[in-house]
Amino acid sequence: MSIRLKGALLAGLAAAALCMGIWAVSSITAPEDEVPDYYYEGASMPQDTKFVLRDYDGYIGIYSSLYASAPDTVTNIKTSTLRDTDRKMLSRGIPVSGRGELLTLLEDFGS
């Protein structure tokens, strides 16, 4: 194989790799702002709700119910560091069915 042919083949492979990379990056989309139905006015929370996570003065608060006026606990997780979708859901209240789910959510928000 001549040097020119090798160079052309290498340039073609590099161009193909670049195109594939650009396509791959452009195909990645941010998750849609899918907010469950119970976040809208007039909808009720799931029946198995034990806790509710809501924004409390810029931090995630853990409430005993959706209608509690003050959180039982305030975490050190700043809501300003979260995605817009998460902040939107926290403004309405995120229902949590048990301690395991609560710990998982807090770990996800804190990382």
C-alpha atoms as a PDB file:
ATOM      1  CA  MET A   1       0.000   0.000   0.000  1.00  0.00           C
ATOM      2  CA  SER A   2       1.364   3.380  -0.915  1.00  0.00           C
ATOM      3  CA  ILE A   3       1.778   6.181   1.581  1.00  0.00           C
ATOM      4  CA  ARG A   4      -0.810   8.302  -0.250  1.00  0.00           C
ATOM      5  CA  LEU A   5      -3.390   5.536  -0.097  1.00  0.00           C
ATOM      6  CA  LYS A   6      -2.689   4.990   3.595  1.00  0.00           C
ATOM      7  CA  GLY A   7      -3.012   8.732   4.240  1.00  0.00           C
ATOM      8  CA  ALA A   8      -6.303   8.920   2.342  1.00  0.00           C
ATOM      9  CA  LEU A   9      -7.638   5.882   4.178  1.00  0.00           C
ATOM     10  CA  LEU A  10      -6.594   7.363   7.519  1.00  0.00           C
ATOM     11  CA  ALA A  11      -8.180  10.724   6.647  1.00  0.00           C
ATOM     12  CA  GLY A  12     -11.406   8.958   5.631  1.00  0.00           C
ATOM     13  CA  LEU A  13     -11.506   6.985   8.872  1.00  0.00           C
ATOM     14  CA  ALA A  14     -10.853  10.157  10.896  1.00  0.00           C
ATOM     15  CA  ALA A  15     -13.653  11.981   9.083  1.00  0.00           C
ATOM     16  CA  ALA A  16     -16.040   9.062   9.667  1.00  0.00           C
ATOM     17  CA  ALA A  17     -15.121   8.956  13.358  1.00  0.00           C
ATOM     18  CA  LEU A  18     -15.678  12.710  13.637  1.00  0.00           C
ATOM     19  CA  CYS A  19     -19.092  12.457  11.951  1.00  0.00           C
ATOM     20  CA  MET A  20     -20.103   9.562  14.203  1.00  0.00           C
ATOM     21  CA  GLY A  21     -18.989  11.512  17.281  1.00  0.00           C
ATOM     22  CA  ILE A  22     -20.953  14.586  16.265  1.00  0.00           C
ATOM     23  CA  TRP A  23     -24.025  12.445  15.539  1.00  0.00           C
ATOM     24  CA  ALA A  24     -23.712  10.679  18.905  1.00  0.00           C
ATOM     25  CA  VAL A  25     -23.449  13.934  20.849  1.00  0.00           C
ATOM     26  CA  SER A  26     -26.347  15.515  18.953  1.00  0.00           C
ATOM     27  CA  SER A  27     -28.545  12.473  19.619  1.00  0.00           C
ATOM     28  CA  ILE A  28     -28.209  12.904  23.379  1.00  0.00           C
ATOM     29  CA  THR A  29     -31.182  14.853  24.645  1.00  0.00           C
ATOM     30  CA  ALA A  30     -31.967  16.114  28.078  1.00  0.00           C
ATOM     31  CA  PRO A  31     -34.796  14.239  29.774  1.00  0.00           C
ATOM     32  CA  GLU A  32     -38.137  15.819  29.092  1.00  0.00           C
ATOM     33  CA  ASP A  33     -39.799  17.667  31.894  1.00  0.00           C
ATOM     34  CA  GLU A  34     -42.018  14.727  32.661  1.00  0.00           C
ATOM     35  CA  VAL A  35     -43.816  15.585  35.837  1.00  0.00           C
ATOM     36  CA  PRO A  36     -46.240  12.993  37.245  1.00  0.00           C
ATOM     37  CA  ASP A  37     -49.953  13.830  37.183  1.00  0.00           C
ATOM     38  CA  TYR A  38     -50.134  14.303  40.944  1.00  0.00           C
ATOM     39  CA  TYR A  39     -47.991  17.447  40.673  1.00  0.00           C
ATOM     40  CA  TYR A  40     -50.816  19.335  39.032  1.00  0.00           C
ATOM     41  CA  GLU A  41     -53.530  21.279  40.808  1.00  0.00           C
ATOM     42  CA  GLY A  42     -56.376  19.215  42.174  1.00  0.00           C
ATOM     43  CA  ALA A  43     -54.572  15.883  41.865  1.00  0.00           C
ATOM     44  CA  SER A  44     -53.942  13.739  44.920  1.00  0.00           C
ATOM     45  CA  MET A  45     -50.745  12.101  46.122  1.00  0.00           C
ATOM     46  CA  PRO A  46     -50.284   8.327  45.961  1.00  0.00           C
ATOM     47  CA  GLN A  47     -51.931   6.578  48.928  1.00  0.00           C
ATOM     48  CA  ASP A  48     -48.715   4.960  50.164  1.00  0.00           C
ATOM     49  CA  THR A  49     -47.022   8.351  50.760  1.00  0.00           C
ATOM     50  CA  LYS A  50     -45.120   8.381  54.084  1.00  0.00           C
ATOM     51  CA  PHE A  51     -42.958  11.467  53.521  1.00  0.00           C
ATOM     52  CA  VAL A  52     -42.920  14.434  51.178  1.00  0.00           C
ATOM     53  CA  LEU A  53     -39.792  16.220  49.987  1.00  0.00           C
ATOM     54  CA  ARG A  54     -40.197  19.944  49.349  1.00  0.00           C
ATOM     55  CA  ASP A  55     -38.041  23.004  49.045  1.00  0.00           C
ATOM     56  CA  TYR A  56     -37.573  24.766  52.370  1.00  0.00           C
ATOM     57  CA  ASP A  57     -35.585  28.021  52.274  1.00  0.00           C
ATOM     58  CA  GLY A  58     -33.338  26.735  49.481  1.00  0.00           C
ATOM     59  CA  TYR A  59     -32.785  23.270  50.956  1.00  0.00           C
ATOM     60  CA  ILE A  60     -34.644  19.975  50.708  1.00  0.00           C
ATOM     61  CA  GLY A  61     -37.075  19.594  53.578  1.00  0.00           C
ATOM     62  CA  ILE A  62     -38.590  16.283  54.679  1.00  0.00           C
ATOM     63  CA  TYR A  63     -42.254  16.657  55.615  1.00  0.00           C
ATOM     64  CA  SER A  64     -44.588  14.156  57.254  1.00  0.00           C
ATOM     65  CA  SER A  65     -47.373  15.065  54.803  1.00  0.00           C
ATOM     66  CA  LEU A  66     -48.096  17.279  51.824  1.00  0.00           C
ATOM     67  CA  TYR A  67     -50.026  19.684  54.037  1.00  0.00           C
ATOM     68  CA  ALA A  68     -47.474  20.024  56.861  1.00  0.00           C
ATOM     69  CA  SER A  69     -46.520  23.672  57.333  1.00  0.00           C
ATOM     70  CA  ALA A  70     -42.973  22.978  58.517  1.00  0.00           C
ATOM     71  CA  PRO A  71     -40.533  20.183  57.696  1.00  0.00           C
ATOM     72  CA  ASP A  72     -39.671  17.525  60.247  1.00  0.00           C
ATOM     73  CA  THR A  73     -36.080  17.654  59.007  1.00  0.00           C
ATOM     74  CA  VAL A  74     -34.110  19.967  56.737  1.00  0.00           C
ATOM     75  CA  THR A  75     -31.250  18.438  54.760  1.00  0.00           C
ATOM     76  CA  ASN A  76     -28.029  20.178  53.772  1.00  0.00           C
ATOM     77  CA  ILE A  77     -28.824  19.632  50.066  1.00  0.00           C
ATOM     78  CA  LYS A  78     -29.210  22.979  48.299  1.00  0.00           C
ATOM     79  CA  THR A  79     -32.045  23.029  45.797  1.00  0.00           C
ATOM     80  CA  SER A  80     -30.121  25.516  43.654  1.00  0.00           C
ATOM     81  CA  THR A  81     -27.720  22.694  42.710  1.00  0.00           C
ATOM     82  CA  LEU A  82     -30.512  20.511  41.286  1.00  0.00           C
ATOM     83  CA  ARG A  83     -31.917  20.242  37.765  1.00  0.00           C
ATOM     84  CA  ASP A  84     -34.860  22.462  36.838  1.00  0.00           C
ATOM     85  CA  THR A  85     -37.194  19.454  36.686  1.00  0.00           C
ATOM     86  CA  ASP A  86     -36.217  18.386  40.208  1.00  0.00           C
ATOM     87  CA  ARG A  87     -36.711  21.909  41.549  1.00  0.00           C
ATOM     88  CA  LYS A  88     -40.133  22.076  39.875  1.00  0.00           C
ATOM     89  CA  MET A  89     -41.145  18.761  41.458  1.00  0.00           C
ATOM     90  CA  LEU A  90     -39.831  19.872  44.864  1.00  0.00           C
ATOM     91  CA  SER A  91     -41.900  23.043  44.676  1.00  0.00           C
ATOM     92  CA  ARG A  92     -45.023  20.852  44.520  1.00  0.00           C
ATOM     93  CA  GLY A  93     -43.761  18.088  46.787  1.00  0.00           C
ATOM     94  CA  ILE A  94     -42.243  14.716  45.960  1.00  0.00           C
ATOM     95  CA  PRO A  95     -44.142  11.841  47.596  1.00  0.00           C
ATOM     96  CA  VAL A  96     -41.999   9.140  49.189  1.00  0.00           C
ATOM     97  CA  SER A  97     -43.438   5.750  50.108  1.00  0.00           C
ATOM     98  CA  GLY A  98     -40.904   4.665  52.724  1.00  0.00           C
ATOM     99  CA  ARG A  99     -37.541   5.089  54.384  1.00  0.00           C
ATOM    100  CA  GLY A 100     -35.647   3.143  51.695  1.00  0.00           C
ATOM    101  CA  GLU A 101     -37.010   5.330  48.910  1.00  0.00           C
ATOM    102  CA  LEU A 102     -36.315   8.432  51.012  1.00  0.00           C
ATOM    103  CA  LEU A 103     -32.658   7.474  51.475  1.00  0.00           C
ATOM    104  CA  THR A 104     -32.286   6.658  47.771  1.00  0.00           C
ATOM    105  CA  LEU A 105     -33.765  10.003  46.693  1.00  0.00           C
ATOM    106  CA  LEU A 106     -31.620  11.969  49.113  1.00  0.00           C
ATOM    107  CA  GLU A 107     -28.523  10.132  47.952  1.00  0.00           C
ATOM    108  CA  ASP A 108     -29.406  10.904  44.319  1.00  0.00           C
ATOM    109  CA  PHE A 109     -30.057  14.582  45.050  1.00  0.00           C
ATOM    110  CA  GLY A 110     -26.892  14.876  47.113  1.00  0.00           C
ATOM    111  CA  SER A 111     -24.551  13.465  44.487  1.00  0.00           C
END
